[in-house]
Amino acid sequence: MSGVASLTLSALDARVLRATDPLRERTAVRVAGIVGCCEDVAASCLRRLRGRMLVEVDGCRPTGWLRTDRGDVALEHAP
């Protein structure tokens, strides 16, 4: 990890990351329902968070998302 600056999240990304869970897979539809946004917006945020290694996919269809340890650290620094 290169530091806290690399873990800075937008407000929407932080809400989406909070809607994921490290132990329970959640689909983009479920995350969108929790966050209160459209499914495509949630899916886009999840893909962006995956690129930063803050969430990971479970390998099933429909794709379930899990928060990583790095995602937990990012939430500690999120507003």
PDB file of N, CA and C in Angstrom:
ATOM      1  N   MET A   1       0.836  -1.164   0.000  1.00  0.00           N
ATOM      2  CA  MET A   1       0.000   0.000   0.000  1.00  0.00           C
ATOM      3  C   MET A   1       0.884   1.231   0.000  1.00  0.00           C
ATOM      4  N   SER A   2       0.514   2.199  -0.804  1.00  0.00           N
ATOM      5  CA  SER A   2       1.352   3.374  -0.920  1.00  0.00           C
ATOM      6  C   SER A   2       0.927   4.505  -0.005  1.00  0.00           C
ATOM      7  N   GLY A   3      -0.074   4.314   0.801  1.00  0.00           N
ATOM      8  CA  GLY A   3      -0.445   5.339   1.768  1.00  0.00           C
ATOM      9  C   GLY A   3      -1.907   5.684   1.716  1.00  0.00           C
ATOM     10  N   VAL A   4      -2.284   6.597   2.598  1.00  0.00           N
ATOM     11  CA  VAL A   4      -3.678   6.992   2.739  1.00  0.00           C
ATOM     12  C   VAL A   4      -4.167   7.728   1.503  1.00  0.00           C
ATOM     13  N   ALA A   5      -3.293   8.493   0.842  1.00  0.00           N
ATOM     14  CA  ALA A   5      -3.711   9.251  -0.332  1.00  0.00           C
ATOM     15  C   ALA A   5      -4.276   8.338  -1.417  1.00  0.00           C
ATOM     16  N   SER A   6      -3.730   7.148  -1.555  1.00  0.00           N
ATOM     17  CA  SER A   6      -4.218   6.231  -2.576  1.00  0.00           C
ATOM     18  C   SER A   6      -5.557   5.598  -2.191  1.00  0.00           C
ATOM     19  N   LEU A   7      -5.963   5.760  -0.943  1.00  0.00           N
ATOM     20  CA  LEU A   7      -7.212   5.173  -0.478  1.00  0.00           C
ATOM     21  C   LEU A   7      -8.354   6.189  -0.411  1.00  0.00           C
ATOM     22  N   THR A   8      -8.139   7.399  -0.930  1.00  0.00           N
ATOM     23  CA  THR A   8      -9.169   8.424  -0.919  1.00  0.00           C
ATOM     24  C   THR A   8     -10.339   7.983  -1.799  1.00  0.00           C
ATOM     25  N   LEU A   9     -11.542   8.079  -1.241  1.00  0.00           N
ATOM     26  CA  LEU A   9     -12.750   7.644  -1.943  1.00  0.00           C
ATOM     27  C   LEU A   9     -13.701   8.806  -2.142  1.00  0.00           C
ATOM     28  N   SER A  10     -14.449   8.778  -3.249  1.00  0.00           N
ATOM     29  CA  SER A  10     -15.536   9.732  -3.418  1.00  0.00           C
ATOM     30  C   SER A  10     -16.669   9.315  -2.475  1.00  0.00           C
ATOM     31  N   ALA A  11     -17.615  10.206  -2.273  1.00  0.00           N
ATOM     32  CA  ALA A  11     -18.738   9.904  -1.373  1.00  0.00           C
ATOM     33  C   ALA A  11     -19.528   8.696  -1.881  1.00  0.00           C
ATOM     34  N   LEU A  12     -19.765   8.623  -3.188  1.00  0.00           N
ATOM     35  CA  LEU A  12     -20.516   7.496  -3.750  1.00  0.00           C
ATOM     36  C   LEU A  12     -19.728   6.195  -3.623  1.00  0.00           C
ATOM     37  N   ASP A  13     -18.432   6.247  -3.922  1.00  0.00           N
ATOM     38  CA  ASP A  13     -17.614   5.045  -3.784  1.00  0.00           C
ATOM     39  C   ASP A  13     -17.611   4.550  -2.338  1.00  0.00           C
ATOM     40  N   ALA A  14     -17.553   5.465  -1.392  1.00  0.00           N
ATOM     41  CA  ALA A  14     -17.573   5.081   0.027  1.00  0.00           C
ATOM     42  C   ALA A  14     -18.904   4.423   0.386  1.00  0.00           C
ATOM     43  N   ARG A  15     -20.010   4.962  -0.120  1.00  0.00           N
ATOM     44  CA  ARG A  15     -21.323   4.361   0.157  1.00  0.00           C
ATOM     45  C   ARG A  15     -21.436   2.972  -0.445  1.00  0.00           C
ATOM     46  N   VAL A  16     -20.942   2.812  -1.668  1.00  0.00           N
ATOM     47  CA  VAL A  16     -20.973   1.498  -2.324  1.00  0.00           C
ATOM     48  C   VAL A  16     -20.077   0.517  -1.581  1.00  0.00           C
ATOM     49  N   LEU A  17     -18.906   0.963  -1.168  1.00  0.00           N
ATOM     50  CA  LEU A  17     -17.999   0.093  -0.437  1.00  0.00           C
ATOM     51  C   LEU A  17     -18.595  -0.329   0.902  1.00  0.00           C
ATOM     52  N   ARG A  18     -19.281   0.585   1.581  1.00  0.00           N
ATOM     53  CA  ARG A  18     -19.947   0.234   2.846  1.00  0.00           C
ATOM     54  C   ARG A  18     -21.076  -0.779   2.629  1.00  0.00           C
ATOM     55  N   ALA A  19     -21.687  -0.753   1.440  1.00  0.00           N
ATOM     56  CA  ALA A  19     -22.792  -1.664   1.139  1.00  0.00           C
ATOM     57  C   ALA A  19     -22.308  -3.080   0.843  1.00  0.00           C
ATOM     58  N   THR A  20     -21.012  -3.228   0.592  1.00  0.00           N
ATOM     59  CA  THR A  20     -20.464  -4.573   0.413  1.00  0.00           C
ATOM     60  C   THR A  20     -20.084  -5.120   1.779  1.00  0.00           C
ATOM     61  N   ASP A  21     -19.835  -6.398   1.826  1.00  0.00           N
ATOM     62  CA  ASP A  21     -19.533  -7.057   3.090  1.00  0.00           C
ATOM     63  C   ASP A  21     -18.344  -7.984   2.862  1.00  0.00           C
ATOM     64  N   PRO A  22     -17.448  -8.111   3.838  1.00  0.00           N
ATOM     65  CA  PRO A  22     -16.316  -9.018   3.638  1.00  0.00           C
ATOM     66  C   PRO A  22     -16.690 -10.498   3.693  1.00  0.00           C
ATOM     67  N   LEU A  23     -17.854 -10.818   4.222  1.00  0.00           N
ATOM     68  CA  LEU A  23     -18.229 -12.225   4.400  1.00  0.00           C
ATOM     69  C   LEU A  23     -19.424 -12.673   3.559  1.00  0.00           C
ATOM     70  N   ARG A  24     -20.243 -11.740   3.102  1.00  0.00           N
ATOM     71  CA  ARG A  24     -21.456 -12.088   2.352  1.00  0.00           C
ATOM     72  C   ARG A  24     -21.413 -11.459   0.966  1.00  0.00           C
ATOM     73  N   GLU A  25     -21.527 -12.302  -0.067  1.00  0.00           N
ATOM     74  CA  GLU A  25     -21.525 -11.812  -1.432  1.00  0.00           C
ATOM     75  C   GLU A  25     -22.793 -11.018  -1.685  1.00  0.00           C
ATOM     76  N   ARG A  26     -22.633  -9.895  -2.363  1.00  0.00           N
ATOM     77  CA  ARG A  26     -23.785  -9.089  -2.748  1.00  0.00           C
ATOM     78  C   ARG A  26     -23.674  -8.734  -4.215  1.00  0.00           C
ATOM     79  N   THR A  27     -24.794  -8.864  -4.932  1.00  0.00           N
ATOM     80  CA  THR A  27     -24.816  -8.514  -6.347  1.00  0.00           C
ATOM     81  C   THR A  27     -24.915  -6.997  -6.489  1.00  0.00           C
ATOM     82  N   ALA A  28     -24.664  -6.506  -7.700  1.00  0.00           N
ATOM     83  CA  ALA A  28     -24.774  -5.072  -7.966  1.00  0.00           C
ATOM     84  C   ALA A  28     -26.200  -4.585  -7.711  1.00  0.00           C
ATOM     85  N   VAL A  29     -27.192  -5.436  -7.988  1.00  0.00           N
ATOM     86  CA  VAL A  29     -28.592  -5.066  -7.738  1.00  0.00           C
ATOM     87  C   VAL A  29     -28.820  -4.841  -6.247  1.00  0.00           C
ATOM     88  N   ARG A  30     -28.321  -5.729  -5.424  1.00  0.00           N
ATOM     89  CA  ARG A  30     -28.476  -5.616  -3.961  1.00  0.00           C
ATOM     90  C   ARG A  30     -27.735  -4.388  -3.431  1.00  0.00           C
ATOM     91  N   VAL A  31     -26.520  -4.163  -3.931  1.00  0.00           N
ATOM     92  CA  VAL A  31     -25.746  -2.993  -3.507  1.00  0.00           C
ATOM     93  C   VAL A  31     -26.479  -1.714  -3.903  1.00  0.00           C
ATOM     94  N   ALA A  32     -27.028  -1.681  -5.124  1.00  0.00           N
ATOM     95  CA  ALA A  32     -27.775  -0.507  -5.581  1.00  0.00           C
ATOM     96  C   ALA A  32     -28.973  -0.242  -4.679  1.00  0.00           C
ATOM     97  N   GLY A  33     -29.667  -1.294  -4.266  1.00  0.00           N
ATOM     98  CA  GLY A  33     -30.804  -1.127  -3.363  1.00  0.00           C
ATOM     99  C   GLY A  33     -30.400  -0.569  -2.011  1.00  0.00           C
ATOM    100  N   ILE A  34     -29.275  -1.007  -1.501  1.00  0.00           N
ATOM    101  CA  ILE A  34     -28.794  -0.521  -0.205  1.00  0.00           C
ATOM    102  C   ILE A  34     -28.346   0.936  -0.310  1.00  0.00           C
ATOM    103  N   VAL A  35     -27.639   1.256  -1.386  1.00  0.00           N
ATOM    104  CA  VAL A  35     -27.085   2.603  -1.560  1.00  0.00           C
ATOM    105  C   VAL A  35     -28.158   3.587  -1.997  1.00  0.00           C
ATOM    106  N   GLY A  36     -29.130   3.120  -2.770  1.00  0.00           N
ATOM    107  CA  GLY A  36     -30.181   4.002  -3.274  1.00  0.00           C
ATOM    108  C   GLY A  36     -29.800   4.644  -4.598  1.00  0.00           C
ATOM    109  N   CYS A  37     -29.153   3.869  -5.461  1.00  0.00           N
ATOM    110  CA  CYS A  37     -28.777   4.364  -6.777  1.00  0.00           C
ATOM    111  C   CYS A  37     -29.192   3.333  -7.820  1.00  0.00           C
ATOM    112  N   CYS A  38     -28.971   3.658  -9.090  1.00  0.00           N
ATOM    113  CA  CYS A  38     -29.288   2.731 -10.180  1.00  0.00           C
ATOM    114  C   CYS A  38     -28.295   1.571 -10.193  1.00  0.00           C
ATOM    115  N   GLU A  39     -28.740   0.446 -10.714  1.00  0.00           N
ATOM    116  CA  GLU A  39     -27.885  -0.741 -10.789  1.00  0.00           C
ATOM    117  C   GLU A  39     -26.625  -0.490 -11.604  1.00  0.00           C
ATOM    118  N   ASP A  40     -26.762   0.232 -12.731  1.00  0.00           N
ATOM    119  CA  ASP A  40     -25.581   0.468 -13.569  1.00  0.00           C
ATOM    120  C   ASP A  40     -24.563   1.382 -12.886  1.00  0.00           C
ATOM    121  N   VAL A  41     -25.027   2.299 -12.063  1.00  0.00           N
ATOM    122  CA  VAL A  41     -24.112   3.168 -11.307  1.00  0.00           C
ATOM    123  C   VAL A  41     -23.372   2.338 -10.264  1.00  0.00           C
ATOM    124  N   ALA A  42     -24.092   1.480  -9.552  1.00  0.00           N
ATOM    125  CA  ALA A  42     -23.462   0.611  -8.558  1.00  0.00           C
ATOM    126  C   ALA A  42     -22.452  -0.328  -9.212  1.00  0.00           C
ATOM    127  N   ALA A  43     -22.817  -0.895 -10.353  1.00  0.00           N
ATOM    128  CA  ALA A  43     -21.911  -1.804 -11.064  1.00  0.00           C
ATOM    129  C   ALA A  43     -20.650  -1.074 -11.515  1.00  0.00           C
ATOM    130  N   SER A  44     -20.798   0.152 -11.992  1.00  0.00           N
ATOM    131  CA  SER A  44     -19.643   0.948 -12.409  1.00  0.00           C
ATOM    132  C   SER A  44     -18.730   1.243 -11.218  1.00  0.00           C
ATOM    133  N   CYS A  45     -19.310   1.611 -10.088  1.00  0.00           N
ATOM    134  CA  CYS A  45     -18.514   1.861  -8.874  1.00  0.00           C
ATOM    135  C   CYS A  45     -17.797   0.594  -8.423  1.00  0.00           C
ATOM    136  N   LEU A  46     -18.497  -0.537  -8.464  1.00  0.00           N
ATOM    137  CA  LEU A  46     -17.883  -1.793  -8.048  1.00  0.00           C
ATOM    138  C   LEU A  46     -16.707  -2.163  -8.950  1.00  0.00           C
ATOM    139  N   ARG A  47     -16.838  -1.937 -10.247  1.00  0.00           N
ATOM    140  CA  ARG A  47     -15.722  -2.218 -11.158  1.00  0.00           C
ATOM    141  C   ARG A  47     -14.542  -1.292 -10.861  1.00  0.00           C
ATOM    142  N   ARG A  48     -14.830  -0.026 -10.580  1.00  0.00           N
ATOM    143  CA  ARG A  48     -13.768   0.917 -10.247  1.00  0.00           C
ATOM    144  C   ARG A  48     -13.083   0.518  -8.939  1.00  0.00           C
ATOM    145  N   LEU A  49     -13.872   0.117  -7.946  1.00  0.00           N
ATOM    146  CA  LEU A  49     -13.314  -0.316  -6.661  1.00  0.00           C
ATOM    147  C   LEU A  49     -12.514  -1.605  -6.825  1.00  0.00           C
ATOM    148  N   ARG A  50     -12.942  -2.465  -7.746  1.00  0.00           N
ATOM    149  CA  ARG A  50     -12.193  -3.703  -8.010  1.00  0.00           C
ATOM    150  C   ARG A  50     -10.818  -3.378  -8.588  1.00  0.00           C
ATOM    151  N   GLY A  51     -10.764  -2.384  -9.452  1.00  0.00           N
ATOM    152  CA  GLY A  51      -9.487  -1.962 -10.017  1.00  0.00           C
ATOM    153  C   GLY A  51      -8.520  -1.463  -8.956  1.00  0.00           C
ATOM    154  N   ARG A  52      -9.059  -0.924  -7.881  1.00  0.00           N
ATOM    155  CA  ARG A  52      -8.223  -0.446  -6.763  1.00  0.00           C
ATOM    156  C   ARG A  52      -8.029  -1.524  -5.701  1.00  0.00           C
ATOM    157  N   MET A  53      -8.547  -2.728  -5.980  1.00  0.00           N
ATOM    158  CA  MET A  53      -8.437  -3.900  -5.103  1.00  0.00           C
ATOM    159  C   MET A  53      -9.127  -3.687  -3.750  1.00  0.00           C
ATOM    160  N   LEU A  54     -10.248  -2.946  -3.772  1.00  0.00           N
ATOM    161  CA  LEU A  54     -11.015  -2.717  -2.557  1.00  0.00           C
ATOM    162  C   LEU A  54     -12.178  -3.694  -2.434  1.00  0.00           C
ATOM    163  N   VAL A  55     -12.581  -4.272  -3.568  1.00  0.00           N
ATOM    164  CA  VAL A  55     -13.581  -5.336  -3.586  1.00  0.00           C
ATOM    165  C   VAL A  55     -13.082  -6.421  -4.528  1.00  0.00           C
ATOM    166  N   GLU A  56     -13.646  -7.613  -4.395  1.00  0.00           N
ATOM    167  CA  GLU A  56     -13.309  -8.715  -5.291  1.00  0.00           C
ATOM    168  C   GLU A  56     -14.585  -9.454  -5.656  1.00  0.00           C
ATOM    169  N   VAL A  57     -14.526 -10.165  -6.770  1.00  0.00           N
ATOM    170  CA  VAL A  57     -15.683 -10.930  -7.213  1.00  0.00           C
ATOM    171  C   VAL A  57     -15.600 -12.341  -6.659  1.00  0.00           C
ATOM    172  N   ASP A  58     -16.761 -12.979  -6.555  1.00  0.00           N
ATOM    173  CA  ASP A  58     -16.793 -14.344  -6.005  1.00  0.00           C
ATOM    174  C   ASP A  58     -16.648 -15.416  -7.079  1.00  0.00           C
ATOM    175  N   GLY A  59     -16.665 -15.025  -8.352  1.00  0.00           N
ATOM    176  CA  GLY A  59     -16.468 -15.990  -9.430  1.00  0.00           C
ATOM    177  C   GLY A  59     -17.727 -16.695  -9.886  1.00  0.00           C
ATOM    178  N   CYS A  60     -18.867 -16.337  -9.365  1.00  0.00           N
ATOM    179  CA  CYS A  60     -20.147 -16.950  -9.747  1.00  0.00           C
ATOM    180  C   CYS A  60     -20.945 -15.996 -10.624  1.00  0.00           C
ATOM    181  N   ARG A  61     -22.040 -16.485 -11.160  1.00  0.00           N
ATOM    182  CA  ARG A  61     -22.971 -15.651 -11.926  1.00  0.00           C
ATOM    183  C   ARG A  61     -24.330 -15.745 -11.293  1.00  0.00           C
ATOM    184  N   PRO A  62     -25.050 -14.670 -11.014  1.00  0.00           N
ATOM    185  CA  PRO A  62     -24.580 -13.298 -11.173  1.00  0.00           C
ATOM    186  C   PRO A  62     -23.460 -12.999 -10.188  1.00  0.00           C
ATOM    187  N   THR A  63     -22.607 -12.107 -10.595  1.00  0.00           N
ATOM    188  CA  THR A  63     -21.415 -11.816  -9.814  1.00  0.00           C
ATOM    189  C   THR A  63     -21.767 -11.270  -8.445  1.00  0.00           C
ATOM    190  N   GLY A  64     -21.171 -11.865  -7.436  1.00  0.00           N
ATOM    191  CA  GLY A  64     -21.275 -11.348  -6.081  1.00  0.00           C
ATOM    192  C   GLY A  64     -19.991 -10.616  -5.739  1.00  0.00           C
ATOM    193  N   TRP A  65     -20.102  -9.577  -4.955  1.00  0.00           N
ATOM    194  CA  TRP A  65     -18.950  -8.744  -4.615  1.00  0.00           C
ATOM    195  C   TRP A  65     -18.660  -8.862  -3.131  1.00  0.00           C
ATOM    196  N   LEU A  66     -17.383  -8.916  -2.790  1.00  0.00           N
ATOM    197  CA  LEU A  66     -16.924  -8.991  -1.406  1.00  0.00           C
ATOM    198  C   LEU A  66     -15.938  -7.854  -1.150  1.00  0.00           C
ATOM    199  N   ARG A  67     -16.012  -7.234   0.027  1.00  0.00           N
ATOM    200  CA  ARG A  67     -15.046  -6.207   0.396  1.00  0.00           C
ATOM    201  C   ARG A  67     -13.751  -6.886   0.850  1.00  0.00           C
ATOM    202  N   THR A  68     -12.615  -6.377   0.416  1.00  0.00           N
ATOM    203  CA  THR A  68     -11.320  -6.929   0.790  1.00  0.00           C
ATOM    204  C   THR A  68     -10.809  -6.262   2.066  1.00  0.00           C
ATOM    205  N   ASP A  69      -9.711  -6.781   2.596  1.00  0.00           N
ATOM    206  CA  ASP A  69      -9.075  -6.158   3.759  1.00  0.00           C
ATOM    207  C   ASP A  69      -8.642  -4.730   3.428  1.00  0.00           C
ATOM    208  N   ARG A  70      -8.152  -4.548   2.227  1.00  0.00           N
ATOM    209  CA  ARG A  70      -7.758  -3.199   1.780  1.00  0.00           C
ATOM    210  C   ARG A  70      -8.980  -2.278   1.738  1.00  0.00           C
ATOM    211  N   GLY A  71     -10.140  -2.825   1.375  1.00  0.00           N
ATOM    212  CA  GLY A  71     -11.375  -2.045   1.383  1.00  0.00           C
ATOM    213  C   GLY A  71     -11.761  -1.641   2.800  1.00  0.00           C
ATOM    214  N   ASP A  72     -11.540  -2.516   3.762  1.00  0.00           N
ATOM    215  CA  ASP A  72     -11.811  -2.170   5.153  1.00  0.00           C
ATOM    216  C   ASP A  72     -10.932  -1.015   5.611  1.00  0.00           C
ATOM    217  N   VAL A  73      -9.663  -1.043   5.204  1.00  0.00           N
ATOM    218  CA  VAL A  73      -8.737   0.034   5.563  1.00  0.00           C
ATOM    219  C   VAL A  73      -9.183   1.344   4.910  1.00  0.00           C
ATOM    220  N   ALA A  74      -9.611   1.277   3.659  1.00  0.00           N
ATOM    221  CA  ALA A  74     -10.072   2.481   2.958  1.00  0.00           C
ATOM    222  C   ALA A  74     -11.284   3.081   3.660  1.00  0.00           C
ATOM    223  N   LEU A  75     -12.176   2.237   4.173  1.00  0.00           N
ATOM    224  CA  LEU A  75     -13.352   2.748   4.887  1.00  0.00           C
ATOM    225  C   LEU A  75     -12.975   3.439   6.192  1.00  0.00           C
ATOM    226  N   GLU A  76     -11.899   3.020   6.820  1.00  0.00           N
ATOM    227  CA  GLU A  76     -11.457   3.684   8.032  1.00  0.00           C
ATOM    228  C   GLU A  76     -11.078   5.135   7.763  1.00  0.00           C
ATOM    229  N   HIS A  77     -10.631   5.431   6.533  1.00  0.00           N
ATOM    230  CA  HIS A  77     -10.195   6.771   6.175  1.00  0.00           C
ATOM    231  C   HIS A  77     -11.240   7.540   5.357  1.00  0.00           C
ATOM    232  N   ALA A  78     -12.387   6.922   5.114  1.00  0.00           N
ATOM    233  CA  ALA A  78     -13.443   7.553   4.313  1.00  0.00           C
ATOM    234  C   ALA A  78     -14.259   8.502   5.188  1.00  0.00           C
ATOM    235  N   PRO A  79     -14.750   9.575   4.573  1.00  0.00           N
ATOM    236  CA  PRO A  79     -15.605  10.526   5.325  1.00  0.00           C
ATOM    237  C   PRO A  79     -16.944   9.945   5.697  1.00  0.00           C
TER     238      PRO A  79
END
